[in-house]
Amino acid sequence: MSLLENLLYGFISGVSSFIPVSSYGHQAVFRQIIGQAQRNPISDLFVHLAIILSLLVCCNADINIYLRDFSNKRYS
C-alpha cells in the first residue's frame, strides 16, 4: 500500500475504534476497496500506532489528570 493508503487505513481504524462496531470489519472493507486482499504486517503496525495516537489525542486531558493525581498521591 502507498503512504496515503496506509494513512487512510490507520485513520479509519482509529476512528472506528471509538464506535461500537468492529474495526476489523472496517479494515477488511477498506482493503477490498483498495484491492489488497491479504493483511500486511506493516499496515497492521500502522493501524495499531494510529489507534494509540488517536487515543492519546482524544483522551489527553483525562490522561493528564490521572498522571497529575498519581504523582500527587505518590509524593504526599
N, C-alpha and C. Protein backbone atom coordinates (compact mmCIF):
# COMPACT_ATOMS: atom_id res chain seq x y z
N MET A 1 0.84 -1.17 0.00
CA MET A 1 0.00 0.00 0.00
C MET A 1 0.88 1.24 0.00
N SER A 2 0.36 2.29 -0.59
CA SER A 2 1.09 3.55 -0.61
C SER A 2 0.98 4.23 0.76
N LEU A 3 1.75 5.29 0.94
CA LEU A 3 1.72 6.02 2.20
C LEU A 3 0.32 6.59 2.46
N LEU A 4 -0.30 7.14 1.43
CA LEU A 4 -1.65 7.70 1.59
C LEU A 4 -2.66 6.61 1.97
N GLU A 5 -2.56 5.46 1.34
CA GLU A 5 -3.46 4.35 1.67
C GLU A 5 -3.23 3.89 3.10
N ASN A 6 -1.97 3.82 3.53
CA ASN A 6 -1.68 3.45 4.91
C ASN A 6 -2.25 4.45 5.89
N LEU A 7 -2.12 5.75 5.58
CA LEU A 7 -2.67 6.78 6.45
C LEU A 7 -4.19 6.68 6.53
N LEU A 8 -4.84 6.49 5.39
CA LEU A 8 -6.30 6.33 5.40
C LEU A 8 -6.71 5.08 6.16
N TYR A 9 -5.98 4.02 5.96
CA TYR A 9 -6.25 2.76 6.65
C TYR A 9 -6.14 2.94 8.17
N GLY A 10 -5.08 3.61 8.60
CA GLY A 10 -4.91 3.87 10.03
C GLY A 10 -5.96 4.80 10.57
N PHE A 11 -6.33 5.83 9.81
CA PHE A 11 -7.36 6.77 10.24
C PHE A 11 -8.70 6.07 10.40
N ILE A 12 -9.08 5.27 9.43
CA ILE A 12 -10.36 4.55 9.51
C ILE A 12 -10.36 3.61 10.70
N SER A 13 -9.27 2.92 10.92
CA SER A 13 -9.19 2.00 12.05
C SER A 13 -9.22 2.74 13.38
N GLY A 14 -8.53 3.87 13.46
CA GLY A 14 -8.52 4.64 14.69
C GLY A 14 -9.88 5.22 15.01
N VAL A 15 -10.55 5.77 14.02
CA VAL A 15 -11.88 6.35 14.24
C VAL A 15 -12.90 5.27 14.58
N SER A 16 -12.81 4.15 13.90
CA SER A 16 -13.80 3.09 14.15
C SER A 16 -13.55 2.37 15.47
N SER A 17 -12.42 2.63 16.12
CA SER A 17 -12.18 2.03 17.44
C SER A 17 -13.06 2.64 18.51
N PHE A 18 -13.52 3.86 18.29
CA PHE A 18 -14.32 4.55 19.29
C PHE A 18 -15.81 4.27 19.17
N ILE A 19 -16.24 3.69 18.08
CA ILE A 19 -17.66 3.39 17.92
C ILE A 19 -17.87 1.90 18.15
N PRO A 20 -19.06 1.54 18.61
CA PRO A 20 -19.29 0.13 18.95
C PRO A 20 -19.54 -0.76 17.73
N VAL A 21 -18.58 -0.73 16.81
CA VAL A 21 -18.65 -1.55 15.61
C VAL A 21 -17.26 -2.17 15.45
N SER A 22 -17.19 -3.27 14.79
CA SER A 22 -15.92 -3.96 14.62
C SER A 22 -14.97 -3.14 13.74
N SER A 23 -13.85 -2.73 14.30
CA SER A 23 -12.86 -2.01 13.50
C SER A 23 -12.21 -2.96 12.49
N TYR A 24 -12.15 -4.25 12.82
CA TYR A 24 -11.60 -5.22 11.88
C TYR A 24 -12.47 -5.29 10.62
N GLY A 25 -13.77 -5.16 10.79
CA GLY A 25 -14.68 -5.16 9.63
C GLY A 25 -14.41 -3.98 8.73
N HIS A 26 -14.17 -2.80 9.31
CA HIS A 26 -13.84 -1.63 8.51
C HIS A 26 -12.52 -1.83 7.78
N GLN A 27 -11.57 -2.43 8.45
CA GLN A 27 -10.28 -2.68 7.82
C GLN A 27 -10.43 -3.62 6.63
N ALA A 28 -11.23 -4.66 6.79
CA ALA A 28 -11.44 -5.63 5.71
C ALA A 28 -12.12 -4.97 4.52
N VAL A 29 -13.12 -4.13 4.79
CA VAL A 29 -13.81 -3.43 3.70
C VAL A 29 -12.85 -2.48 2.99
N PHE A 30 -12.06 -1.73 3.74
CA PHE A 30 -11.11 -0.79 3.14
C PHE A 30 -10.09 -1.54 2.28
N ARG A 31 -9.59 -2.68 2.77
CA ARG A 31 -8.62 -3.46 1.98
C ARG A 31 -9.25 -3.93 0.67
N GLN A 32 -10.52 -4.30 0.71
CA GLN A 32 -11.19 -4.73 -0.52
C GLN A 32 -11.36 -3.57 -1.49
N ILE A 33 -11.65 -2.37 -0.96
CA ILE A 33 -11.83 -1.19 -1.81
C ILE A 33 -10.55 -0.85 -2.55
N ILE A 34 -9.40 -0.92 -1.85
CA ILE A 34 -8.14 -0.56 -2.49
C ILE A 34 -7.50 -1.74 -3.22
N GLY A 35 -8.11 -2.90 -3.13
CA GLY A 35 -7.63 -4.05 -3.89
C GLY A 35 -6.54 -4.84 -3.22
N GLN A 36 -6.42 -4.77 -1.91
CA GLN A 36 -5.42 -5.56 -1.20
C GLN A 36 -6.17 -6.63 -0.41
N ALA A 37 -6.07 -7.86 -0.86
CA ALA A 37 -6.84 -8.94 -0.24
C ALA A 37 -6.19 -9.45 1.04
N GLN A 38 -4.88 -9.44 1.10
CA GLN A 38 -4.18 -10.00 2.25
C GLN A 38 -3.78 -8.91 3.23
N ARG A 39 -3.67 -9.31 4.50
CA ARG A 39 -3.20 -8.39 5.53
C ARG A 39 -1.69 -8.25 5.41
N ASN A 40 -1.22 -7.06 5.67
CA ASN A 40 0.19 -6.75 5.61
C ASN A 40 0.65 -6.40 7.02
N PRO A 41 1.71 -7.04 7.54
CA PRO A 41 2.15 -6.74 8.90
C PRO A 41 2.53 -5.27 9.11
N ILE A 42 3.10 -4.64 8.09
CA ILE A 42 3.46 -3.23 8.21
C ILE A 42 2.19 -2.38 8.32
N SER A 43 1.19 -2.71 7.55
CA SER A 43 -0.08 -1.98 7.64
C SER A 43 -0.72 -2.18 9.00
N ASP A 44 -0.64 -3.39 9.52
CA ASP A 44 -1.18 -3.65 10.87
C ASP A 44 -0.44 -2.82 11.91
N LEU A 45 0.87 -2.67 11.75
CA LEU A 45 1.65 -1.83 12.66
C LEU A 45 1.17 -0.39 12.60
N PHE A 46 0.96 0.14 11.37
CA PHE A 46 0.45 1.50 11.23
C PHE A 46 -0.92 1.64 11.87
N VAL A 47 -1.75 0.63 11.74
CA VAL A 47 -3.09 0.69 12.33
C VAL A 47 -2.98 0.79 13.84
N HIS A 48 -2.17 -0.04 14.45
CA HIS A 48 -2.04 -0.01 15.90
C HIS A 48 -1.43 1.30 16.39
N LEU A 49 -0.46 1.81 15.66
CA LEU A 49 0.11 3.11 16.02
C LEU A 49 -0.93 4.23 15.89
N ALA A 50 -1.74 4.17 14.85
CA ALA A 50 -2.78 5.18 14.66
C ALA A 50 -3.83 5.10 15.77
N ILE A 51 -4.17 3.91 16.20
CA ILE A 51 -5.14 3.75 17.28
C ILE A 51 -4.57 4.32 18.58
N ILE A 52 -3.31 4.02 18.88
CA ILE A 52 -2.69 4.57 20.09
C ILE A 52 -2.62 6.08 20.01
N LEU A 53 -2.25 6.62 18.86
CA LEU A 53 -2.18 8.06 18.70
C LEU A 53 -3.55 8.71 18.85
N SER A 54 -4.58 8.11 18.27
CA SER A 54 -5.92 8.69 18.39
C SER A 54 -6.40 8.64 19.83
N LEU A 55 -6.08 7.58 20.56
CA LEU A 55 -6.44 7.52 21.98
C LEU A 55 -5.72 8.60 22.78
N LEU A 56 -4.45 8.80 22.50
CA LEU A 56 -3.69 9.83 23.21
C LEU A 56 -4.22 11.23 22.92
N VAL A 57 -4.58 11.48 21.67
CA VAL A 57 -5.10 12.80 21.30
C VAL A 57 -6.48 13.03 21.91
N CYS A 58 -7.35 12.05 21.80
CA CYS A 58 -8.72 12.22 22.28
C CYS A 58 -8.82 12.22 23.80
N CYS A 59 -7.95 11.50 24.46
CA CYS A 59 -8.03 11.37 25.92
C CYS A 59 -6.92 12.12 26.63
N ASN A 60 -6.29 13.07 25.95
CA ASN A 60 -5.14 13.78 26.51
C ASN A 60 -5.47 14.46 27.83
N ALA A 61 -6.60 15.14 27.91
CA ALA A 61 -6.96 15.85 29.15
C ALA A 61 -7.13 14.87 30.31
N ASP A 62 -7.82 13.76 30.06
CA ASP A 62 -8.03 12.76 31.11
C ASP A 62 -6.72 12.12 31.54
N ILE A 63 -5.87 11.82 30.58
CA ILE A 63 -4.57 11.22 30.90
C ILE A 63 -3.75 12.15 31.78
N ASN A 64 -3.76 13.45 31.45
CA ASN A 64 -3.02 14.43 32.26
C ASN A 64 -3.57 14.50 33.68
N ILE A 65 -4.88 14.46 33.83
CA ILE A 65 -5.48 14.49 35.17
C ILE A 65 -5.06 13.27 35.97
N TYR A 66 -5.13 12.09 35.36
CA TYR A 66 -4.75 10.86 36.06
C TYR A 66 -3.28 10.87 36.45
N LEU A 67 -2.43 11.33 35.54
CA LEU A 67 -1.00 11.38 35.85
C LEU A 67 -0.71 12.38 36.96
N ARG A 68 -1.39 13.55 36.94
CA ARG A 68 -1.20 14.55 37.98
C ARG A 68 -1.67 14.01 39.32
N ASP A 69 -2.83 13.36 39.35
CA ASP A 69 -3.33 12.77 40.60
C ASP A 69 -2.39 11.69 41.12
N PHE A 70 -1.89 10.87 40.21
CA PHE A 70 -0.98 9.79 40.60
C PHE A 70 0.30 10.36 41.20
N SER A 71 0.85 11.39 40.56
CA SER A 71 2.11 11.95 41.07
C SER A 71 1.88 12.68 42.40
N ASN A 72 0.73 13.32 42.57
CA ASN A 72 0.43 13.99 43.85
C ASN A 72 0.26 12.98 44.98
N LYS A 73 -0.37 11.87 44.73
CA LYS A 73 -0.57 10.84 45.75
C LYS A 73 0.73 10.12 46.08
N ARG A 74 1.57 10.01 45.08
CA ARG A 74 2.82 9.27 45.28
C ARG A 74 3.78 10.04 46.17
N TYR A 75 3.80 11.35 46.06
CA TYR A 75 4.76 12.15 46.82
C TYR A 75 4.17 12.80 48.05
N SER A 76 2.90 12.52 48.38
CA SER A 76 2.35 13.13 49.59
C SER A 76 2.40 12.21 50.77
